[in-house]
Amino acid sequence: MIKSYNLKACFSALKEYDWFAKESDFLEVIEWHNGEGIDIHLSSTRAEQRISITWGEWEAMLALVASISGDEVLSGTSN
């Protein structure tokens, strides 16, 4: 049996965010069908990368990046 469904996805050129990005570089995020995580696809001249992570893993990654950058908004500690 074949099932068909729609997925939530966002796409952006990296040039808007990364000084070193080329015109063809992009980032795409797709939410899993079951809603438990996301697939991230980064295509740049440096590398083609894909990662699948749960929302819990995403939260952990944000917390670690916030710890490095000192960004209270990312870490959820801002008032």
N, C-alpha and C. Protein backbone atom coordinates (compact mmCIF):
# COMPACT_ATOMS: atom_id res chain seq x y z
N MET A 1 0.83 -1.17 0.00
CA MET A 1 0.00 0.00 0.00
C MET A 1 0.89 1.24 0.00
N ILE A 2 0.55 2.21 -0.80
CA ILE A 2 1.28 3.47 -0.87
C ILE A 2 0.49 4.54 -0.14
N LYS A 3 1.16 5.22 0.79
CA LYS A 3 0.53 6.33 1.51
C LYS A 3 1.12 7.64 1.01
N SER A 4 0.30 8.64 0.94
CA SER A 4 0.75 9.96 0.50
C SER A 4 0.45 10.98 1.59
N TYR A 5 1.39 11.90 1.84
CA TYR A 5 1.18 12.93 2.84
C TYR A 5 2.03 14.15 2.51
N ASN A 6 1.68 15.27 3.12
CA ASN A 6 2.43 16.51 2.95
C ASN A 6 3.38 16.70 4.11
N LEU A 7 4.53 17.30 3.84
CA LEU A 7 5.52 17.58 4.88
C LEU A 7 5.70 19.09 5.02
N LYS A 8 6.01 19.53 6.25
CA LYS A 8 6.38 20.93 6.47
C LYS A 8 7.85 21.08 6.11
N ALA A 9 8.17 22.10 5.32
CA ALA A 9 9.56 22.32 4.92
C ALA A 9 9.83 23.80 4.76
N CYS A 10 11.07 24.19 5.03
CA CYS A 10 11.54 25.57 4.83
C CYS A 10 12.86 25.51 4.07
N PHE A 11 13.09 26.51 3.24
CA PHE A 11 14.27 26.55 2.39
C PHE A 11 14.80 27.98 2.37
N SER A 12 16.12 28.13 2.38
CA SER A 12 16.71 29.45 2.28
C SER A 12 18.08 29.38 1.63
N ALA A 13 18.37 30.39 0.83
CA ALA A 13 19.72 30.54 0.30
C ALA A 13 20.64 30.92 1.46
N LEU A 14 21.84 30.37 1.48
CA LEU A 14 22.79 30.68 2.56
C LEU A 14 23.42 32.05 2.41
N LYS A 15 23.41 32.58 1.20
CA LYS A 15 24.03 33.88 0.93
C LYS A 15 23.50 34.97 1.86
N GLU A 16 22.24 34.85 2.28
CA GLU A 16 21.63 35.84 3.18
C GLU A 16 22.25 35.82 4.58
N TYR A 17 22.89 34.70 4.95
CA TYR A 17 23.39 34.51 6.31
C TYR A 17 24.90 34.33 6.40
N ASP A 18 25.52 33.89 5.32
CA ASP A 18 26.93 33.49 5.36
C ASP A 18 27.72 34.27 4.31
N TRP A 19 28.65 35.05 4.77
CA TRP A 19 29.48 35.87 3.90
C TRP A 19 30.21 35.04 2.84
N PHE A 20 30.61 33.83 3.21
CA PHE A 20 31.40 32.97 2.32
C PHE A 20 30.55 32.12 1.39
N ALA A 21 29.23 32.13 1.53
CA ALA A 21 28.35 31.29 0.73
C ALA A 21 28.33 31.74 -0.73
N LYS A 22 28.16 30.77 -1.59
CA LYS A 22 27.99 31.03 -3.02
C LYS A 22 26.50 31.14 -3.31
N GLU A 23 26.16 31.63 -4.50
CA GLU A 23 24.76 31.82 -4.88
C GLU A 23 23.96 30.51 -4.84
N SER A 24 24.60 29.39 -5.13
CA SER A 24 23.90 28.11 -5.19
C SER A 24 23.80 27.40 -3.84
N ASP A 25 24.43 27.91 -2.79
CA ASP A 25 24.42 27.28 -1.47
C ASP A 25 23.06 27.48 -0.80
N PHE A 26 22.57 26.42 -0.14
CA PHE A 26 21.26 26.54 0.51
C PHE A 26 21.16 25.66 1.75
N LEU A 27 20.13 25.93 2.54
CA LEU A 27 19.78 25.15 3.72
C LEU A 27 18.29 24.83 3.63
N GLU A 28 17.94 23.56 3.88
CA GLU A 28 16.55 23.13 3.85
C GLU A 28 16.27 22.33 5.12
N VAL A 29 15.14 22.59 5.74
CA VAL A 29 14.72 21.86 6.94
C VAL A 29 13.34 21.26 6.67
N ILE A 30 13.20 19.96 6.93
CA ILE A 30 11.95 19.26 6.70
C ILE A 30 11.54 18.55 7.99
N GLU A 31 10.32 18.81 8.44
CA GLU A 31 9.82 18.14 9.64
C GLU A 31 9.41 16.71 9.30
N TRP A 32 9.74 15.77 10.19
CA TRP A 32 9.37 14.38 9.98
C TRP A 32 7.86 14.24 9.93
N HIS A 33 7.40 13.25 9.21
CA HIS A 33 5.97 12.99 9.09
C HIS A 33 5.32 12.75 10.45
N ASN A 34 6.03 12.07 11.37
CA ASN A 34 5.48 11.79 12.70
C ASN A 34 5.65 12.97 13.67
N GLY A 35 6.29 14.05 13.22
CA GLY A 35 6.44 15.25 14.04
C GLY A 35 7.49 15.16 15.14
N GLU A 36 8.28 14.10 15.18
CA GLU A 36 9.22 13.89 16.27
C GLU A 36 10.61 14.45 16.02
N GLY A 37 10.84 15.06 14.84
CA GLY A 37 12.16 15.60 14.57
C GLY A 37 12.22 16.24 13.19
N ILE A 38 13.43 16.52 12.75
CA ILE A 38 13.63 17.20 11.48
C ILE A 38 14.82 16.61 10.72
N ASP A 39 14.79 16.79 9.41
CA ASP A 39 15.93 16.51 8.54
C ASP A 39 16.48 17.85 8.09
N ILE A 40 17.79 18.00 8.18
CA ILE A 40 18.46 19.24 7.77
C ILE A 40 19.36 18.90 6.59
N HIS A 41 19.21 19.65 5.51
CA HIS A 41 20.04 19.45 4.31
C HIS A 41 20.78 20.75 4.04
N LEU A 42 22.10 20.71 4.13
CA LEU A 42 22.96 21.85 3.86
C LEU A 42 23.76 21.55 2.61
N SER A 43 23.60 22.39 1.61
CA SER A 43 24.35 22.22 0.37
C SER A 43 25.20 23.47 0.16
N SER A 44 26.51 23.29 0.21
CA SER A 44 27.41 24.42 0.01
C SER A 44 28.63 23.95 -0.77
N THR A 45 29.44 24.91 -1.19
CA THR A 45 30.65 24.56 -1.93
C THR A 45 31.64 23.81 -1.04
N ARG A 46 31.52 23.97 0.27
CA ARG A 46 32.40 23.25 1.20
C ARG A 46 32.02 21.78 1.34
N ALA A 47 30.70 21.51 1.38
CA ALA A 47 30.26 20.14 1.62
C ALA A 47 28.76 20.00 1.38
N GLU A 48 28.37 18.77 1.16
CA GLU A 48 26.97 18.39 1.11
C GLU A 48 26.70 17.62 2.40
N GLN A 49 25.83 18.15 3.26
CA GLN A 49 25.61 17.55 4.57
C GLN A 49 24.13 17.33 4.83
N ARG A 50 23.84 16.19 5.46
CA ARG A 50 22.46 15.88 5.87
C ARG A 50 22.52 15.36 7.30
N ILE A 51 21.55 15.79 8.09
CA ILE A 51 21.45 15.32 9.46
C ILE A 51 19.98 15.15 9.81
N SER A 52 19.68 14.07 10.50
CA SER A 52 18.33 13.81 11.00
C SER A 52 18.41 13.81 12.51
N ILE A 53 17.62 14.69 13.15
CA ILE A 53 17.66 14.80 14.61
C ILE A 53 16.26 14.94 15.19
N THR A 54 16.11 14.45 16.41
CA THR A 54 14.84 14.60 17.13
C THR A 54 14.76 16.02 17.68
N TRP A 55 13.55 16.42 18.10
CA TRP A 55 13.41 17.75 18.70
C TRP A 55 14.24 17.87 19.97
N GLY A 56 14.40 16.80 20.74
CA GLY A 56 15.23 16.83 21.94
C GLY A 56 16.70 17.06 21.61
N GLU A 57 17.17 16.42 20.55
CA GLU A 57 18.55 16.64 20.10
C GLU A 57 18.73 18.07 19.61
N TRP A 58 17.71 18.61 18.95
CA TRP A 58 17.74 20.01 18.49
C TRP A 58 17.87 20.95 19.69
N GLU A 59 17.07 20.71 20.74
CA GLU A 59 17.13 21.55 21.95
C GLU A 59 18.51 21.48 22.59
N ALA A 60 19.10 20.29 22.64
CA ALA A 60 20.44 20.13 23.20
C ALA A 60 21.46 20.91 22.38
N MET A 61 21.33 20.85 21.06
CA MET A 61 22.25 21.58 20.19
C MET A 61 22.12 23.09 20.41
N LEU A 62 20.89 23.59 20.50
CA LEU A 62 20.68 25.02 20.76
C LEU A 62 21.30 25.44 22.09
N ALA A 63 21.14 24.60 23.11
CA ALA A 63 21.70 24.91 24.42
C ALA A 63 23.23 24.99 24.36
N LEU A 64 23.85 24.07 23.64
CA LEU A 64 25.31 24.07 23.54
C LEU A 64 25.81 25.27 22.75
N VAL A 65 25.12 25.63 21.66
CA VAL A 65 25.50 26.80 20.86
C VAL A 65 25.33 28.06 21.70
N ALA A 66 24.24 28.13 22.47
CA ALA A 66 24.02 29.28 23.34
C ALA A 66 25.11 29.39 24.39
N SER A 67 25.56 28.26 24.91
CA SER A 67 26.62 28.26 25.90
C SER A 67 27.92 28.82 25.32
N ILE A 68 28.22 28.45 24.09
CA ILE A 68 29.42 28.96 23.43
C ILE A 68 29.31 30.44 23.12
N SER A 69 28.14 30.85 22.61
CA SER A 69 27.97 32.23 22.15
C SER A 69 27.54 33.19 23.25
N GLY A 70 27.06 32.66 24.37
CA GLY A 70 26.56 33.52 25.44
C GLY A 70 25.20 34.12 25.13
N ASP A 71 24.48 33.56 24.17
CA ASP A 71 23.18 34.06 23.74
C ASP A 71 22.08 33.50 24.65
N GLU A 72 21.54 34.36 25.51
CA GLU A 72 20.51 33.93 26.45
C GLU A 72 19.21 33.56 25.76
N VAL A 73 18.93 34.15 24.62
CA VAL A 73 17.69 33.83 23.89
C VAL A 73 17.72 32.38 23.44
N LEU A 74 18.84 31.92 22.89
CA LEU A 74 18.96 30.53 22.46
C LEU A 74 18.83 29.56 23.62
N SER A 75 19.40 29.90 24.75
CA SER A 75 19.42 28.98 25.88
C SER A 75 18.12 28.97 26.66
N GLY A 76 17.21 29.92 26.36
CA GLY A 76 15.93 29.96 27.06
C GLY A 76 16.01 30.60 28.43
N THR A 77 17.10 31.31 28.74
CA THR A 77 17.24 31.89 30.08
C THR A 77 16.94 33.39 30.10
N SER A 78 16.53 33.96 28.96
CA SER A 78 16.24 35.40 28.95
C SER A 78 14.91 35.68 29.61
N ASN A 79 14.74 36.90 30.10
CA ASN A 79 13.49 37.27 30.77
C ASN A 79 12.50 37.87 29.82
